[in-house]
Every structure is written in structure tokens, then in C-alpha cells.
Protein backbone atom coordinates (compact mmCIF):
# COMPACT_ATOMS: atom_id res chain seq x y z
CA UNK A 1 18.43 -24.29 -23.85
CA UNK A 2 19.79 -20.79 -24.31
CA UNK A 3 19.91 -18.24 -21.50
CA UNK A 4 17.25 -16.03 -23.12
CA UNK A 5 14.80 -18.89 -23.70
CA UNK A 6 11.61 -18.70 -21.71
CA UNK A 7 10.67 -21.23 -19.05
CA UNK A 8 7.47 -22.85 -20.27
CA UNK A 9 4.38 -23.81 -18.29
CA UNK A 10 1.89 -25.94 -20.20
CA UNK A 11 -1.78 -26.40 -19.33
CA UNK A 12 -4.12 -28.74 -21.18
CA UNK A 13 -7.85 -28.03 -21.01
CA UNK A 14 -10.98 -29.16 -22.80
CA UNK A 15 -12.16 -25.55 -23.12
CA UNK A 16 -10.77 -22.16 -22.17
CA UNK A 17 -13.55 -21.55 -19.62
CA UNK A 18 -11.92 -24.18 -17.37
CA UNK A 19 -9.05 -21.76 -16.74
CA UNK A 20 -11.31 -19.22 -15.05
CA UNK A 21 -13.54 -19.24 -11.99
CA UNK A 22 -17.01 -20.01 -13.29
CA UNK A 23 -18.64 -18.27 -10.30
CA UNK A 24 -16.89 -14.94 -10.94
CA UNK A 25 -19.34 -12.55 -12.65
CA UNK A 26 -16.59 -10.07 -13.61
CA UNK A 27 -15.85 -9.20 -17.23
CA UNK A 28 -13.44 -11.64 -18.87
CA UNK A 29 -10.28 -9.56 -18.38
CA UNK A 30 -11.05 -9.07 -14.67
CA UNK A 31 -12.10 -12.65 -13.97
CA UNK A 32 -10.23 -14.72 -11.37
CA UNK A 33 -8.46 -17.86 -12.41
CA UNK A 34 -9.89 -21.15 -11.24
CA UNK A 35 -8.23 -22.09 -7.93
CA UNK A 36 -6.93 -25.41 -9.28
CA UNK A 37 -5.60 -23.78 -12.44
CA UNK A 38 -3.86 -21.07 -10.41
CA UNK A 39 -2.32 -23.63 -8.06
CA UNK A 40 -1.09 -25.67 -11.02
CA UNK A 41 0.47 -22.64 -12.75
CA UNK A 42 2.04 -21.22 -9.58
CA UNK A 43 3.44 -24.55 -8.41
CA UNK A 44 4.94 -25.23 -11.83
CA UNK A 45 6.43 -21.72 -11.94
CA UNK A 46 8.11 -22.32 -8.56
CA UNK A 47 9.97 -25.27 -10.06
CA UNK A 48 11.29 -23.38 -13.08
CA UNK A 49 14.59 -21.46 -13.13
CA UNK A 50 14.23 -18.07 -11.43
CA UNK A 51 16.44 -16.24 -13.90
CA UNK A 52 14.21 -17.00 -16.90
CA UNK A 53 11.05 -15.22 -17.92
CA UNK A 54 7.95 -17.38 -17.92
CA UNK A 55 5.70 -18.42 -20.76
CA UNK A 56 2.26 -20.03 -20.36
CA UNK A 57 1.05 -22.27 -23.17
CA UNK A 58 -2.60 -23.24 -22.91
CA UNK A 59 -3.73 -26.16 -25.05
CA UNK A 60 -7.49 -26.42 -25.57
CA UNK A 61 -9.53 -29.00 -27.43
CA UNK A 62 -12.42 -26.69 -28.28
CA UNK A 63 -11.83 -23.33 -29.99
CA UNK A 64 -12.85 -20.41 -27.72
CA UNK A 65 -14.80 -17.36 -28.88
CA UNK A 66 -12.51 -14.94 -30.72
CA UNK A 67 -12.85 -12.18 -28.09
CA UNK A 68 -11.82 -14.59 -25.32
CA UNK A 69 -8.81 -15.81 -27.28
CA UNK A 70 -7.74 -12.22 -28.01
CA UNK A 71 -8.06 -11.13 -24.36
CA UNK A 72 -6.53 -14.22 -22.81
CA UNK A 73 -3.02 -12.90 -22.20
CA UNK A 74 -4.30 -9.65 -20.68
CA UNK A 75 -6.77 -11.56 -18.45
CA UNK A 76 -4.05 -13.87 -17.09
CA UNK A 77 -1.56 -11.04 -16.61
CA UNK A 78 -4.21 -8.87 -14.94
CA UNK A 79 -5.04 -11.65 -12.50
CA UNK A 80 -1.42 -12.16 -11.47
CA UNK A 81 -0.80 -8.37 -11.30
CA UNK A 82 -3.67 -8.12 -8.83
CA UNK A 83 -2.31 -11.05 -6.80
CA UNK A 84 1.18 -9.49 -6.81
CA UNK A 85 -0.25 -6.16 -5.62
CA UNK A 86 -2.11 -7.97 -2.82
CA UNK A 87 1.08 -9.80 -1.81
CA UNK A 88 2.97 -6.48 -1.86
CA UNK A 89 0.42 -4.97 0.53
CA UNK A 90 0.74 -8.05 2.74
CA UNK A 91 4.55 -7.65 2.70
CA UNK A 92 4.36 -3.95 3.67
CA UNK A 93 1.84 -4.73 6.42
CA UNK A 94 4.11 -7.53 7.69
CA UNK A 95 7.09 -5.13 7.83
CA UNK A 96 5.04 -2.58 9.81
CA UNK A 97 3.91 -5.30 12.21
CA UNK A 98 7.51 -6.50 12.59
CA UNK A 99 8.68 -2.96 13.43
CA UNK A 100 5.93 -2.52 16.03
CA UNK A 101 6.69 -5.93 17.54
CA UNK A 102 10.38 -5.10 17.70
CA UNK A 103 9.69 -1.76 19.39
CA UNK A 104 7.36 -3.38 21.94
CA UNK A 105 9.84 -6.14 22.71
CA UNK A 106 12.74 -3.69 23.06
CA UNK A 107 10.73 -1.63 25.54
CA UNK A 108 9.80 -4.82 27.40
CA UNK A 109 13.45 -5.97 27.39
CA UNK A 110 14.56 -2.61 28.80
CA UNK A 111 11.82 -2.78 31.44
CA UNK A 112 12.87 -6.32 32.38
CA UNK A 113 16.51 -5.28 32.73
CA UNK A 114 15.50 -2.23 34.77
CA UNK A 115 13.26 -4.33 37.01
CA UNK A 116 15.96 -7.00 37.37
CA UNK A 117 18.47 -4.34 38.49
CA UNK A 118 15.91 -2.93 40.91
CA UNK A 119 15.20 -6.45 42.25
CA UNK A 120 18.90 -7.21 42.60
CA UNK A 121 19.61 -4.08 44.64
CA UNK A 122 16.48 -4.16 46.79
CA UNK A 123 16.10 -7.88 47.53
CA UNK A 124 19.61 -9.18 48.13
CA UNK A 125 20.48 -12.82 48.74
CA UNK A 126 19.56 -15.81 46.58
CA UNK A 127 16.11 -14.42 45.75
CA UNK A 128 17.73 -11.39 44.12
CA UNK A 129 19.71 -13.56 41.70
CA UNK A 130 16.62 -15.62 40.91
CA UNK A 131 14.48 -12.53 40.19
CA UNK A 132 17.28 -10.81 38.24
CA UNK A 133 17.94 -13.82 36.00
CA UNK A 134 14.23 -14.59 35.55
CA UNK A 135 13.42 -11.06 34.41
CA UNK A 136 16.39 -10.98 32.02
CA UNK A 137 15.37 -14.31 30.50
CA UNK A 138 11.78 -13.08 30.12
CA UNK A 139 13.07 -9.96 28.35
CA UNK A 140 15.19 -11.96 25.91
CA UNK A 141 12.40 -14.47 25.26
CA UNK A 142 10.14 -11.55 24.33
CA UNK A 143 12.69 -10.69 21.62
CA UNK A 144 12.32 -14.13 20.03
CA UNK A 145 9.32 -13.46 17.79
CA UNK A 146 10.39 -10.04 16.47
CA UNK A 147 13.84 -11.42 15.65
CA UNK A 148 12.27 -14.43 13.97
CA UNK A 149 10.13 -12.08 11.89
CA UNK A 150 13.13 -9.98 10.84
CA UNK A 151 15.42 -12.92 10.16
CA UNK A 152 13.15 -15.55 8.61
CA UNK A 153 9.45 -14.82 8.19
CA UNK A 154 9.67 -12.15 5.49
CA UNK A 155 11.46 -14.36 2.94
CA UNK A 156 8.45 -16.47 1.90
CA UNK A 157 6.19 -13.42 1.50
CA UNK A 158 8.76 -11.58 -0.60
CA UNK A 159 9.49 -14.70 -2.65
CA UNK A 160 5.81 -15.20 -3.38
CA UNK A 161 5.48 -11.56 -4.45
CA UNK A 162 8.44 -11.88 -6.81
CA UNK A 163 6.99 -15.06 -8.30
CA UNK A 164 3.59 -13.41 -8.83
CA UNK A 165 5.31 -10.44 -10.51
CA UNK A 166 7.06 -12.88 -12.87
CA UNK A 167 3.72 -14.52 -13.62
CA UNK A 168 2.18 -11.09 -14.30
CA UNK A 169 4.79 -10.50 -17.02
CA UNK A 170 4.61 -13.89 -18.69
CA UNK A 171 3.70 -14.35 -22.30
CA UNK A 172 0.53 -16.41 -22.80
CA UNK A 173 -0.09 -18.50 -25.90
CA UNK A 174 -3.25 -20.35 -26.83
CA UNK A 175 -3.00 -23.54 -28.90
CA UNK A 176 -6.20 -25.07 -30.22
CA UNK A 177 -6.00 -28.76 -31.04
CA UNK A 178 -6.81 -29.42 -34.68
CA UNK A 179 -10.29 -30.84 -35.24
CA UNK A 180 -10.22 -34.42 -36.19
């Protein structure tokens, strides 16, 4: 397989309508994919090499109406563009929430350290050490979630967005099984 060859996803259906959500009243190009079809395509795409562009080949047993066949690639791309845009909004919202959480936890950490210093100087004795250490631990524990967000939680959201963007660019082919 050459480096410029596309990574292929193949879907076999009885008819093209199975690819789309039958309850969605939108025009064909705006119609949502069927949840099972989307899950199948996305999960297969996750397994394919990330450096290759994707290609979706849809095999159908029954020929679709000509207008549906002609608009198929745009309909699939449109769906994944919309999903990528939604995931991008989710990613930006997550980053804002992470910044706010970090700011809150930094203020809380500073307050805990200030209160622990105040407790150490005003209490004295073993109680002072207990209060000082307890407040410092509470401050650092409050940092846990914001740090987790910044270090680990953003990767899956960003990865999903990148995958959806790849799917929004993929070439879509329709193959109709010969009658016989």
C-alpha cells in the first residue's frame, strides 16, 4: 500500500436509505446518519492509519434514486462537518471550563495557604501543625481536577474532533451490486 493510498471503510447495505436516520425529516443533504451506521463508520475510522485520508465505499443491493446517489458524498460530508463543528464547540467550552476551574482552585489554594499560615501563628502547639497541614492538603487536593483537565481530559475531545474532520473530508463512493 503506497503512502498516498486512501484508508478504506466499506459499508454493505440493502438500500441507501439504511445509511440515514429514517426519522429525520430534513432534506437529503442535511439528513443525519443512522446511529448504527455512524458508529460503524467512526469506529472503523479509528482503527485506520491516522496519516491517510479516508474513503467510504458504500455497497448497496438496490439502486437508489439518481438524485440520492448524486448527493450522497455531500450528505455524508455535511453530516460529519456538522459533528466536527459541534465537537469543536465542545472543545472550546471545555477549555473555558478548565481555565475557570484552574483559577478557582488557585484562589482556593492561596486561601488555604494563607489560612494555614494564620492558623500556625495564632494557634501554636500540635493543633497548629494539624490545621496548617490539613489546609495545605485541602488546597492541593482542590488542584487535582483542574490539573487532570489540563493534562489528560482534553486529549479525547481533540482526538474525536480531528477524526470527525477527517471523516468530513473523505471521498464517498457508491457501488450498486449488479442485478442478477
